[in-house]
Amino acid sequence: MKAALFKGKDHPLTIEEVKKPKPIKDQVLIKMKYAALNHRDLWVMQEQAQHLPNGIILGSDGSGVVDDVGEDADPLLVGAEVVINPSLDWGNNPIVQGDAFRILGFPDNGTFAEYMVISKKYIFEKPEHLSFEESAAVPLSALTAYRALFSKARLRAKEKVLITGIGGGAALWVLQFAVAYQARVFVTSGSDEKLKKAKELGAIGGFNYKDPEWAAKAQKETGGFDIIIDSAGGDQFSKLIELALPGGRIVNFGRTAGNITDISTRLLYWKQLSIHGSTMGTRDEFLSMIDFLESRKLKPVMDKTYALKDITQAFQRMEQGEHFGKIVLDIGK
């Protein structure tokens, strides 16, 4: 079978023929239809220093059809159209993942291949209203968004929400979930075009963070925010402390702008703010997320689809920040 292999940060991804896996015990073999890119894949390629001569198949998101099952899996699963939960071995504590927790795609082989094996407990029926292509764009980013917005920030209807860095998959899911929950949503971006697109998806307003005065303008226009969902970190985070209303909740699940630098400690305690870190989510949250988007017939925002053989160009688009929505791979091409 064909697979995209990562062999180390100084080696480009290569499409190679590798042995087709066989399911054992409770595993299922999935014939992959589509897979989706995440910033996590980029970070793995940029930061993993170890040399992997045999290569690892990256990819956390995917959809496909069950092709075969192991001895402890129900044969009736064969033919099932599924999406994959990439949150592996979370553990028993819903508050935080356990020591065995991993995200599909590294160190475990992931979805950028024609076939993959995974335990049956991580497959879920593909939502009926979504195509295979759309379904592949759901798991990691929508799960991350759901936990951040509902489990951590505990969104209530009519609250004011600010989402930083609109354009990536998780931020767009936060936008769609919050709008569906009747929140009043605002966004930031370094692109006026992306701000315009976010408004078309239901955002009330947007602010270009390349404008030195964006935070002051946001404060004047909105009065502040009950919830701020951030995927950037970096030196702009201090402005989020200023923009949060008393009793506000700030949730961070990313570091595209680097580490957080200075924040105002006085504002933190005087406003009685809550700052939450969030990563992925539990099985129950995955089920709740799927139910939420099915009940409201939500669909992912799609950017562009590439053939598996063009995976390098797909990652170049993500790295350059050109995308708005999910970048997807057609595994059959």
Protein backbone atom coordinates (compact mmCIF):
# COMPACT_ATOMS: atom_id res chain seq x y z
CA MET A 1 0.00 0.00 0.00
CA LYS A 2 1.04 3.63 -0.45
CA ALA A 3 1.81 5.74 2.61
CA ALA A 4 3.38 9.11 3.43
CA LEU A 5 6.41 8.39 5.62
CA PHE A 6 8.17 10.74 8.05
CA LYS A 7 11.78 9.72 8.71
CA GLY A 8 13.12 12.77 10.52
CA LYS A 9 12.98 16.57 10.45
CA ASP A 10 15.82 16.78 7.92
CA HIS A 11 14.02 14.42 5.55
CA PRO A 12 11.05 15.42 3.38
CA LEU A 13 7.89 13.34 3.53
CA THR A 14 8.06 10.54 0.98
CA ILE A 15 5.30 8.47 -0.60
CA GLU A 16 6.42 4.84 -0.45
CA GLU A 17 5.07 1.33 -0.81
CA VAL A 18 4.82 -0.33 2.60
CA LYS A 19 3.35 -3.57 3.82
CA LYS A 20 -0.41 -3.52 4.31
CA PRO A 21 -1.17 -4.00 8.03
CA LYS A 22 -3.29 -6.82 9.43
CA PRO A 23 -5.78 -6.35 12.27
CA ILE A 24 -5.21 -8.38 15.44
CA LYS A 25 -7.30 -8.85 18.59
CA ASP A 26 -9.82 -5.98 18.79
CA GLN A 27 -8.42 -4.04 15.83
CA VAL A 28 -10.10 -3.15 12.57
CA LEU A 29 -8.48 -2.56 9.19
CA ILE A 30 -9.75 0.63 7.55
CA LYS A 31 -9.47 1.39 3.87
CA MET A 32 -8.88 5.14 4.05
CA LYS A 33 -10.88 7.48 1.86
CA TYR A 34 -9.69 10.88 3.07
CA ALA A 35 -7.35 12.29 5.70
CA ALA A 36 -6.91 15.84 6.97
CA LEU A 37 -3.88 17.90 7.94
CA ASN A 38 -3.33 19.49 11.35
CA HIS A 39 -0.71 21.88 12.69
CA ARG A 40 0.37 19.03 14.94
CA ASP A 41 1.73 17.23 11.89
CA LEU A 42 3.85 20.27 11.08
CA TRP A 43 5.20 20.47 14.63
CA VAL A 44 6.16 16.78 14.56
CA MET A 45 8.05 17.27 11.30
CA GLN A 46 9.79 20.40 12.56
CA GLU A 47 10.62 19.33 16.12
CA GLN A 48 11.21 15.57 16.28
CA ALA A 49 14.99 15.23 16.31
CA GLN A 50 15.19 11.43 16.22
CA HIS A 51 15.98 9.62 12.99
CA LEU A 52 13.33 7.07 12.01
CA PRO A 53 14.84 4.83 9.31
CA ASN A 54 11.63 2.86 8.79
CA GLY A 55 9.46 5.95 8.94
CA ILE A 56 6.24 6.81 10.75
CA ILE A 57 2.93 7.35 8.96
CA LEU A 58 1.68 10.75 10.15
CA GLY A 59 -1.95 11.90 10.22
CA SER A 60 -4.49 12.20 13.03
CA ASP A 61 -7.70 12.71 11.06
CA GLY A 62 -9.36 10.36 8.63
CA SER A 63 -12.45 8.61 7.31
CA GLY A 64 -12.91 5.35 5.48
CA VAL A 65 -14.56 1.94 5.32
CA VAL A 66 -13.84 -1.05 7.58
CA ASP A 67 -12.19 -3.64 5.34
CA ASP A 68 -11.34 -6.40 7.84
CA VAL A 69 -11.43 -7.12 11.58
CA GLY A 70 -9.31 -8.90 14.18
CA GLU A 71 -10.47 -11.94 16.11
CA ASP A 72 -12.07 -9.96 18.93
CA ALA A 73 -13.92 -7.49 16.71
CA ASP A 74 -17.43 -8.03 15.32
CA PRO A 75 -17.29 -9.22 11.67
CA LEU A 76 -20.45 -7.18 11.06
CA LEU A 77 -18.25 -4.09 11.25
CA VAL A 78 -16.88 -4.90 7.81
CA GLY A 79 -18.30 -2.36 5.36
CA ALA A 80 -19.04 0.23 8.04
CA GLU A 81 -18.37 3.86 7.04
CA VAL A 82 -16.39 5.39 9.88
CA VAL A 83 -14.49 8.34 11.28
CA ILE A 84 -11.61 7.89 13.70
CA ASN A 85 -11.18 9.38 17.16
CA PRO A 86 -7.46 10.31 17.32
CA SER A 87 -7.46 10.76 21.11
CA LEU A 88 -5.83 7.49 22.24
CA ASP A 89 -5.76 6.06 25.78
CA TRP A 90 -7.02 9.20 27.53
CA GLY A 91 -7.32 7.45 30.89
CA ASN A 92 -9.91 7.50 33.67
CA ASN A 93 -9.74 11.15 34.70
CA PRO A 94 -11.89 13.42 32.48
CA ILE A 95 -10.07 16.48 33.82
CA VAL A 96 -6.68 15.56 32.37
CA GLN A 97 -5.19 12.87 30.16
CA GLY A 98 -3.17 10.06 31.70
CA ASP A 99 0.46 9.06 31.17
CA ALA A 100 -0.45 6.62 28.38
CA PHE A 101 -2.26 9.28 26.33
CA ARG A 102 -1.19 9.69 22.71
CA ILE A 103 -2.51 11.43 19.63
CA LEU A 104 -2.88 9.27 16.55
CA GLY A 105 -0.19 9.91 13.96
CA PHE A 106 2.91 9.98 16.16
CA PRO A 107 4.27 7.80 17.66
CA ASP A 108 1.50 5.49 16.35
CA ASN A 109 1.09 5.16 12.60
CA GLY A 110 -1.71 7.43 11.41
CA THR A 111 -4.04 8.17 8.55
CA PHE A 112 -1.81 9.26 5.65
CA ALA A 113 -1.95 5.81 4.05
CA GLU A 114 -4.25 3.64 1.96
CA TYR A 115 -4.94 1.38 4.96
CA MET A 116 -4.55 1.61 8.70
CA VAL A 117 -5.33 -0.53 11.74
CA ILE A 118 -6.74 0.77 15.00
CA SER A 119 -8.70 -0.56 17.96
CA LYS A 120 -12.43 -0.79 17.33
CA LYS A 121 -13.05 1.53 20.31
CA TYR A 122 -11.72 4.47 18.28
CA ILE A 123 -14.02 4.16 15.29
CA PHE A 124 -17.42 5.85 15.08
CA GLU A 125 -20.13 5.84 12.47
CA LYS A 126 -19.65 8.53 9.85
CA PRO A 127 -22.25 11.29 10.28
CA GLU A 128 -24.94 10.76 7.64
CA HIS A 129 -25.06 14.39 6.55
CA LEU A 130 -21.31 14.51 5.87
CA SER A 131 -19.35 13.11 2.94
CA PHE A 132 -16.18 11.09 3.53
CA GLU A 133 -14.21 14.19 2.60
CA GLU A 134 -16.05 16.34 5.13
CA SER A 135 -15.95 13.65 7.82
CA ALA A 136 -12.16 13.47 7.62
CA ALA A 137 -12.04 17.16 8.53
CA VAL A 138 -13.89 16.69 11.82
CA PRO A 139 -12.13 14.61 14.52
CA LEU A 140 -9.08 16.35 16.00
CA SER A 141 -10.06 19.97 15.45
CA ALA A 142 -13.74 19.61 16.33
CA LEU A 143 -12.93 17.60 19.48
CA THR A 144 -10.38 20.21 20.54
CA ALA A 145 -12.90 23.00 19.91
CA TYR A 146 -15.72 21.23 21.73
CA ARG A 147 -13.72 20.60 24.90
CA ALA A 148 -12.31 24.13 24.93
CA LEU A 149 -15.67 25.85 24.44
CA PHE A 150 -18.03 23.66 26.44
CA SER A 151 -16.04 21.61 28.97
CA LYS A 152 -13.48 24.29 29.84
CA ALA A 153 -15.07 27.68 29.11
CA ARG A 154 -18.60 26.41 29.85
CA LEU A 155 -20.26 28.61 27.26
CA ARG A 156 -23.72 29.98 27.99
CA ALA A 157 -26.07 31.37 25.36
CA LYS A 158 -25.73 35.09 24.55
CA GLU A 159 -22.23 35.37 26.02
CA LYS A 160 -19.61 37.33 24.10
CA VAL A 161 -16.83 35.16 22.69
CA LEU A 162 -13.53 36.18 21.08
CA ILE A 163 -11.72 33.61 18.93
CA THR A 164 -8.13 34.43 17.98
CA GLY A 165 -6.49 33.47 14.71
CA ILE A 166 -9.56 32.51 12.72
CA GLY A 167 -8.83 30.32 9.70
CA GLY A 168 -7.49 27.12 11.22
CA GLY A 169 -9.72 24.09 11.66
CA ALA A 170 -10.17 24.21 15.44
CA ALA A 171 -10.83 27.97 15.55
CA LEU A 172 -13.46 27.63 12.82
CA TRP A 173 -15.19 24.82 14.74
CA VAL A 174 -15.23 27.05 17.84
CA LEU A 175 -16.88 29.72 15.70
CA GLN A 176 -19.51 27.34 14.31
CA PHE A 177 -20.24 25.75 17.69
CA ALA A 178 -20.53 29.12 19.44
CA VAL A 179 -22.80 30.59 16.76
CA ALA A 180 -24.98 27.48 16.88
CA TYR A 181 -25.20 27.94 20.66
CA GLN A 182 -26.39 31.55 20.19
CA ALA A 183 -23.23 33.22 21.44
CA ARG A 184 -22.15 36.63 20.19
CA VAL A 185 -18.90 35.87 18.43
CA PHE A 186 -15.96 38.05 17.40
CA VAL A 187 -12.68 36.95 15.82
CA THR A 188 -9.14 38.09 15.08
CA SER A 189 -6.93 37.43 12.09
CA GLY A 190 -3.98 38.92 10.28
CA SER A 191 -6.03 38.81 7.07
CA ASP A 192 -8.97 41.08 6.28
CA GLU A 193 -10.18 38.45 3.81
CA LYS A 194 -10.37 35.85 6.58
CA LEU A 195 -12.25 38.31 8.79
CA LYS A 196 -14.76 38.77 6.00
CA LYS A 197 -15.21 35.01 5.61
CA ALA A 198 -15.69 34.61 9.37
CA LYS A 199 -18.50 37.16 9.30
CA GLU A 200 -20.16 35.14 6.56
CA LEU A 201 -20.11 32.18 9.01
CA GLY A 202 -21.85 34.18 11.72
CA ALA A 203 -19.20 36.26 13.48
CA ILE A 204 -20.51 39.69 14.47
CA GLY A 205 -17.20 41.45 13.99
CA GLY A 206 -13.47 40.99 13.56
CA PHE A 207 -10.16 42.68 14.30
CA ASN A 208 -6.89 42.53 12.39
CA TYR A 209 -4.18 41.75 14.94
CA LYS A 210 -1.55 43.35 12.68
CA ASP A 211 -3.12 46.69 13.66
CA PRO A 212 -1.29 47.85 16.82
CA GLU A 213 -4.56 49.32 18.07
CA TRP A 214 -6.72 46.24 17.49
CA ALA A 215 -7.22 45.47 21.19
CA ALA A 216 -8.24 49.05 21.99
CA LYS A 217 -10.69 48.98 19.08
CA ALA A 218 -12.09 45.65 20.28
CA GLN A 219 -12.52 47.03 23.80
CA LYS A 220 -14.31 50.12 22.52
CA GLU A 221 -16.58 48.17 20.18
CA THR A 222 -17.50 45.28 22.49
CA GLY A 223 -16.74 46.28 26.06
CA GLY A 224 -14.84 43.04 26.58
CA PHE A 225 -15.49 39.31 26.38
CA ASP A 226 -16.90 36.61 28.63
CA ILE A 227 -14.88 33.91 26.87
CA ILE A 228 -11.68 34.07 24.83
CA ILE A 229 -10.54 30.99 22.91
CA ASP A 230 -6.91 31.26 21.88
CA SER A 231 -4.73 29.00 19.75
CA ALA A 232 -1.73 31.29 19.39
CA GLY A 233 -0.18 32.21 22.75
CA GLY A 234 2.77 34.52 22.15
CA ASP A 235 3.23 38.14 23.15
CA GLN A 236 -0.35 39.11 22.23
CA PHE A 237 -1.74 36.99 25.06
CA SER A 238 -1.38 39.89 27.51
CA LYS A 239 -3.99 41.78 25.49
CA LEU A 240 -6.45 38.95 26.09
CA ILE A 241 -6.13 39.51 29.85
CA GLU A 242 -7.08 43.14 29.27
CA LEU A 243 -10.02 42.23 27.02
CA ALA A 244 -11.52 39.64 29.36
CA LEU A 245 -14.52 40.77 31.39
CA PRO A 246 -14.51 40.25 35.18
CA GLY A 247 -15.11 36.56 35.80
CA GLY A 248 -14.05 35.80 32.24
CA ARG A 249 -12.60 32.52 31.01
CA ILE A 250 -9.62 32.23 28.67
CA VAL A 251 -8.82 28.88 27.06
CA ASN A 252 -5.63 28.15 25.14
CA PHE A 253 -4.97 25.06 23.01
CA GLY A 254 -2.12 26.14 20.76
CA ARG A 255 1.17 27.98 20.33
CA THR A 256 1.35 29.16 16.75
CA ALA A 257 2.74 32.51 18.00
CA GLY A 258 5.14 30.94 20.51
CA ASN A 259 5.30 31.00 24.29
CA ILE A 260 3.25 33.43 26.37
CA THR A 261 5.35 36.30 27.71
CA ASP A 262 4.16 39.05 30.07
CA ILE A 263 0.69 39.18 31.56
CA SER A 264 -0.73 41.57 34.12
CA THR A 265 -0.91 39.65 37.38
CA ARG A 266 -3.02 42.39 38.96
CA LEU A 267 -5.66 42.15 36.25
CA LEU A 268 -5.60 38.37 36.52
CA TYR A 269 -6.57 38.29 40.17
CA TRP A 270 -8.60 41.51 40.35
CA LYS A 271 -10.87 40.40 37.50
CA GLN A 272 -10.95 36.89 38.98
CA LEU A 273 -10.14 35.40 35.59
CA SER A 274 -9.85 31.71 34.82
CA ILE A 275 -7.14 30.60 32.38
CA HIS A 276 -7.42 27.04 31.10
CA GLY A 277 -5.09 24.94 29.05
CA SER A 278 -6.84 22.34 26.90
CA THR A 279 -5.74 19.44 24.71
CA MET A 280 -7.93 17.12 22.65
CA GLY A 281 -10.71 15.45 24.69
CA THR A 282 -12.27 12.33 26.14
CA ARG A 283 -14.34 9.63 24.44
CA ASP A 284 -17.49 11.11 26.00
CA GLU A 285 -16.61 14.54 24.61
CA PHE A 286 -16.03 13.01 21.18
CA LEU A 287 -19.48 11.43 21.28
CA SER A 288 -21.05 14.69 22.48
CA MET A 289 -19.26 16.60 19.74
CA ILE A 290 -20.52 14.25 17.04
CA ASP A 291 -24.06 14.50 18.45
CA PHE A 292 -23.84 18.30 18.53
CA LEU A 293 -22.81 18.67 14.90
CA GLU A 294 -25.28 16.00 13.73
CA SER A 295 -28.23 17.55 15.56
CA ARG A 296 -27.46 20.94 14.01
CA LYS A 297 -26.29 19.57 10.64
CA LEU A 298 -22.99 21.44 10.95
CA LYS A 299 -20.36 20.93 8.27
CA PRO A 300 -16.64 21.68 8.42
CA VAL A 301 -15.22 24.65 6.59
CA MET A 302 -13.15 23.13 3.79
CA ASP A 303 -10.13 24.83 2.27
CA LYS A 304 -8.55 22.65 -0.39
CA THR A 305 -8.17 18.96 -1.24
CA TYR A 306 -4.92 17.46 -2.51
CA ALA A 307 -4.01 14.02 -3.78
CA LEU A 308 -1.91 11.97 -1.34
CA LYS A 309 1.05 12.26 -3.71
CA ASP A 310 0.87 16.05 -3.40
CA ILE A 311 1.11 16.05 0.40
CA THR A 312 4.20 18.30 0.39
CA GLN A 313 2.30 21.06 -1.41
CA ALA A 314 -0.56 20.63 1.07
CA PHE A 315 1.77 21.22 4.01
CA GLN A 316 3.36 24.19 2.28
CA ARG A 317 -0.07 25.80 2.07
CA MET A 318 -0.63 25.22 5.79
CA GLU A 319 2.82 26.46 6.77
CA GLN A 320 2.36 29.66 4.79
CA GLY A 321 -0.96 30.33 6.53
CA GLU A 322 -2.85 30.63 3.28
CA HIS A 323 -5.67 28.30 4.25
CA PHE A 324 -9.13 29.03 5.61
CA GLY A 325 -10.59 25.76 6.81
CA LYS A 326 -9.37 22.20 6.64
CA ILE A 327 -6.80 20.97 4.13
CA VAL A 328 -7.70 17.43 3.11
CA LEU A 329 -5.93 14.56 1.31
CA ASP A 330 -7.71 12.30 -1.14
CA ILE A 331 -6.04 9.00 -0.27
CA GLY A 332 -7.20 7.30 -3.46
CA LYS A 333 -5.37 9.79 -5.70
